[in-house]
Amino acid sequence: MDEIEKRLRDTADECIRSYEVWSKNRHDGETRENMQEAIHALRKVASRLEVELAISEREELAQRPIPIPPHRAARGRVQQAPQQDDDTGNRAPPVASSGSPAPGGVTVSRIQRRRRPDTESAPQE
């Protein structure tokens, strides 16, 4: 019998004994404290068992290495055929940049950019 199994059996037996004593006299503070200590010991053994499970799982994964995917640059690019532009995007009608309406769209007038004042030729005060 390994160490964890022995501890699990011993603490479970102690917890059962403490429960039997406590259930007969639930208002006694000493029996309640003994019951809490037995539950705490049982939790410690259960935690140790969880750690052992995690270690065995990690060892199992170490035996089966995770494949490393190739770098993006190493993968070839997939050439896609040009698609019809029937995507509605943000549902706004299409706009032509020339100012003329696009099919099913609206006309947009061009806005002139404001030029910054030339700071080199302006007299400084």
Foldseek 3Di string as FASTA:
>chain_A
DDDLVVQLVVLVVQLVVLVVVCVVPVPDPVSVVSNVVSVVSNVVSVVVVVVVVVVVVVVVDVVVDDDDDDDPVPDDDDDDDDDDPPDCVVVAADEDPVQDRDVVHDGDDDDDDDDDPDPVPDDDD
